[in-house]
Amino acid sequence: MHTPRRWYLVAWDAGREDWRTFRVDRIESRPSSGPRFTPRPAPAEDVAGYVSAAVASAPYRHQARILLHASAERAAAPELLDHLRALTDRLTRATRPRR
């Protein structure tokens, strides 16, 4: 699946015995380490929704708060910021929560 900034792969992780979402830019080539996989049904009927939820709940090490000298309407960039709070009509606080 492609988001505005990255490509993701939904795949079964045999080590965790669960579905995972992998960033494609972090995948490294490795020689085959065992038997081929057994096909499974997708983890959700809406795989794009599944990836969106997985990416939204991914852990972040740090939390950032930014004061923007702009209105919330002008500063809004949903693909970049999780939360905007208008402090005044000309000052907005943007927070990307730690997860």
C-alpha atoms as a PDB file:
ATOM      1  CA  MET A   1       0.000   0.000   0.000  1.00  0.00           C
ATOM      2  CA  HIS A   2       1.206   3.525  -0.759  1.00  0.00           C
ATOM      3  CA  THR A   3       0.670   6.546   1.497  1.00  0.00           C
ATOM      4  CA  PRO A   4       1.640  10.093   0.524  1.00  0.00           C
ATOM      5  CA  ARG A   5       5.149   9.514   1.912  1.00  0.00           C
ATOM      6  CA  ARG A   6       5.873   5.747   1.983  1.00  0.00           C
ATOM      7  CA  TRP A   7       5.118   2.281   0.636  1.00  0.00           C
ATOM      8  CA  TYR A   8       4.010  -0.463   3.064  1.00  0.00           C
ATOM      9  CA  LEU A   9       3.817  -4.245   2.814  1.00  0.00           C
ATOM     10  CA  VAL A  10       1.318  -6.267   4.862  1.00  0.00           C
ATOM     11  CA  ALA A  11       2.771  -9.715   5.575  1.00  0.00           C
ATOM     12  CA  TRP A  12       2.541 -12.607   8.020  1.00  0.00           C
ATOM     13  CA  ASP A  13       5.431 -12.624  10.504  1.00  0.00           C
ATOM     14  CA  ALA A  14       6.174 -16.275  11.287  1.00  0.00           C
ATOM     15  CA  GLY A  15       8.312 -15.277  14.281  1.00  0.00           C
ATOM     16  CA  ARG A  16       5.477 -13.327  15.911  1.00  0.00           C
ATOM     17  CA  GLU A  17       2.720 -15.490  14.462  1.00  0.00           C
ATOM     18  CA  ASP A  18       0.768 -12.387  13.525  1.00  0.00           C
ATOM     19  CA  TRP A  19       0.204  -9.929  10.685  1.00  0.00           C
ATOM     20  CA  ARG A  20       2.615  -7.004  10.471  1.00  0.00           C
ATOM     21  CA  THR A  21       2.980  -3.882   8.400  1.00  0.00           C
ATOM     22  CA  PHE A  22       6.489  -3.318   7.025  1.00  0.00           C
ATOM     23  CA  ARG A  23       7.921  -0.134   5.505  1.00  0.00           C
ATOM     24  CA  VAL A  24       9.225  -1.178   2.101  1.00  0.00           C
ATOM     25  CA  ASP A  25      12.234   1.165   2.302  1.00  0.00           C
ATOM     26  CA  ARG A  26      13.467  -0.778   5.366  1.00  0.00           C
ATOM     27  CA  ILE A  27      13.270  -4.248   3.822  1.00  0.00           C
ATOM     28  CA  GLU A  28      16.664  -5.830   3.156  1.00  0.00           C
ATOM     29  CA  SER A  29      17.384  -8.693   0.798  1.00  0.00           C
ATOM     30  CA  ARG A  30      18.128 -12.021   2.516  1.00  0.00           C
ATOM     31  CA  PRO A  31      18.714 -15.522   1.221  1.00  0.00           C
ATOM     32  CA  SER A  32      15.832 -17.953   1.683  1.00  0.00           C
ATOM     33  CA  SER A  33      15.854 -19.319   5.227  1.00  0.00           C
ATOM     34  CA  GLY A  34      13.303 -22.080   5.054  1.00  0.00           C
ATOM     35  CA  PRO A  35      10.136 -23.412   3.516  1.00  0.00           C
ATOM     36  CA  ARG A  36       7.839 -21.268   1.421  1.00  0.00           C
ATOM     37  CA  PHE A  37       4.911 -19.599   3.097  1.00  0.00           C
ATOM     38  CA  THR A  38       1.381 -20.922   3.341  1.00  0.00           C
ATOM     39  CA  PRO A  39      -1.103 -18.470   1.799  1.00  0.00           C
ATOM     40  CA  ARG A  40      -3.483 -16.945   4.363  1.00  0.00           C
ATOM     41  CA  PRO A  41      -6.596 -14.821   4.062  1.00  0.00           C
ATOM     42  CA  ALA A  42      -5.864 -11.087   4.363  1.00  0.00           C
ATOM     43  CA  PRO A  43      -5.975  -9.713   7.939  1.00  0.00           C
ATOM     44  CA  ALA A  44      -8.922  -7.488   7.039  1.00  0.00           C
ATOM     45  CA  GLU A  45     -11.352  -7.050   4.184  1.00  0.00           C
ATOM     46  CA  ASP A  46     -10.137  -3.459   3.819  1.00  0.00           C
ATOM     47  CA  VAL A  47      -6.349  -3.883   3.694  1.00  0.00           C
ATOM     48  CA  ALA A  48      -5.805  -0.148   3.087  1.00  0.00           C
ATOM     49  CA  GLY A  49      -7.756   0.612   6.279  1.00  0.00           C
ATOM     50  CA  TYR A  50      -5.734  -2.037   8.117  1.00  0.00           C
ATOM     51  CA  VAL A  51      -2.455  -0.417   7.030  1.00  0.00           C
ATOM     52  CA  SER A  52      -3.719   3.062   7.938  1.00  0.00           C
ATOM     53  CA  ALA A  53      -4.625   1.874  11.447  1.00  0.00           C
ATOM     54  CA  ALA A  54      -1.293   0.051  11.849  1.00  0.00           C
ATOM     55  CA  VAL A  55       0.715   3.075  10.725  1.00  0.00           C
ATOM     56  CA  ALA A  56      -1.303   5.432  12.945  1.00  0.00           C
ATOM     57  CA  SER A  57      -0.550   3.320  16.017  1.00  0.00           C
ATOM     58  CA  ALA A  58       3.146   2.778  15.290  1.00  0.00           C
ATOM     59  CA  PRO A  59       5.385   3.629  18.255  1.00  0.00           C
ATOM     60  CA  TYR A  60       7.332   6.882  18.287  1.00  0.00           C
ATOM     61  CA  ARG A  61      10.346   7.442  20.528  1.00  0.00           C
ATOM     62  CA  HIS A  62       9.838  11.211  20.907  1.00  0.00           C
ATOM     63  CA  GLN A  63       7.006  13.687  21.122  1.00  0.00           C
ATOM     64  CA  ALA A  64       7.215  17.082  19.425  1.00  0.00           C
ATOM     65  CA  ARG A  65       5.240  20.279  20.007  1.00  0.00           C
ATOM     66  CA  ILE A  66       5.493  23.110  17.529  1.00  0.00           C
ATOM     67  CA  LEU A  67       4.034  26.611  17.774  1.00  0.00           C
ATOM     68  CA  LEU A  68       2.921  27.845  14.380  1.00  0.00           C
ATOM     69  CA  HIS A  69       2.332  31.522  13.750  1.00  0.00           C
ATOM     70  CA  ALA A  70      -0.730  30.782  11.630  1.00  0.00           C
ATOM     71  CA  SER A  71      -4.384  29.893  12.043  1.00  0.00           C
ATOM     72  CA  ALA A  72      -5.318  26.207  12.404  1.00  0.00           C
ATOM     73  CA  GLU A  73      -7.018  26.314   8.991  1.00  0.00           C
ATOM     74  CA  ARG A  74      -3.902  27.656   7.313  1.00  0.00           C
ATOM     75  CA  ALA A  75      -1.509  25.326   9.153  1.00  0.00           C
ATOM     76  CA  ALA A  76      -3.570  22.158   8.671  1.00  0.00           C
ATOM     77  CA  ALA A  77      -1.637  19.437   6.858  1.00  0.00           C
ATOM     78  CA  PRO A  78      -3.401  16.165   7.767  1.00  0.00           C
ATOM     79  CA  GLU A  79      -0.775  13.979   6.129  1.00  0.00           C
ATOM     80  CA  LEU A  80       1.916  15.482   8.390  1.00  0.00           C
ATOM     81  CA  LEU A  81       0.257  16.282  11.725  1.00  0.00           C
ATOM     82  CA  ASP A  82      -1.981  14.193  13.953  1.00  0.00           C
ATOM     83  CA  HIS A  83      -3.357  17.023  16.045  1.00  0.00           C
ATOM     84  CA  LEU A  84      -3.737  20.786  15.773  1.00  0.00           C
ATOM     85  CA  ARG A  85      -5.076  22.998  18.557  1.00  0.00           C
ATOM     86  CA  ALA A  86      -5.850  26.654  17.994  1.00  0.00           C
ATOM     87  CA  LEU A  87      -4.429  28.687  20.898  1.00  0.00           C
ATOM     88  CA  THR A  88      -5.571  32.023  19.476  1.00  0.00           C
ATOM     89  CA  ASP A  89      -6.925  33.092  16.107  1.00  0.00           C
ATOM     90  CA  ARG A  90      -3.311  33.472  14.898  1.00  0.00           C
ATOM     91  CA  LEU A  91      -1.424  30.846  16.960  1.00  0.00           C
ATOM     92  CA  THR A  92      -1.763  27.057  16.655  1.00  0.00           C
ATOM     93  CA  ARG A  93      -0.057  24.253  18.562  1.00  0.00           C
ATOM     94  CA  ALA A  94       0.717  21.116  16.553  1.00  0.00           C
ATOM     95  CA  THR A  95       1.327  17.903  18.489  1.00  0.00           C
ATOM     96  CA  ARG A  96       2.367  14.532  17.170  1.00  0.00           C
ATOM     97  CA  PRO A  97       1.613  12.263  20.147  1.00  0.00           C
ATOM     98  CA  ARG A  98       4.138   9.786  21.477  1.00  0.00           C
ATOM     99  CA  ARG A  99       2.826   6.254  20.915  1.00  0.00           C
END
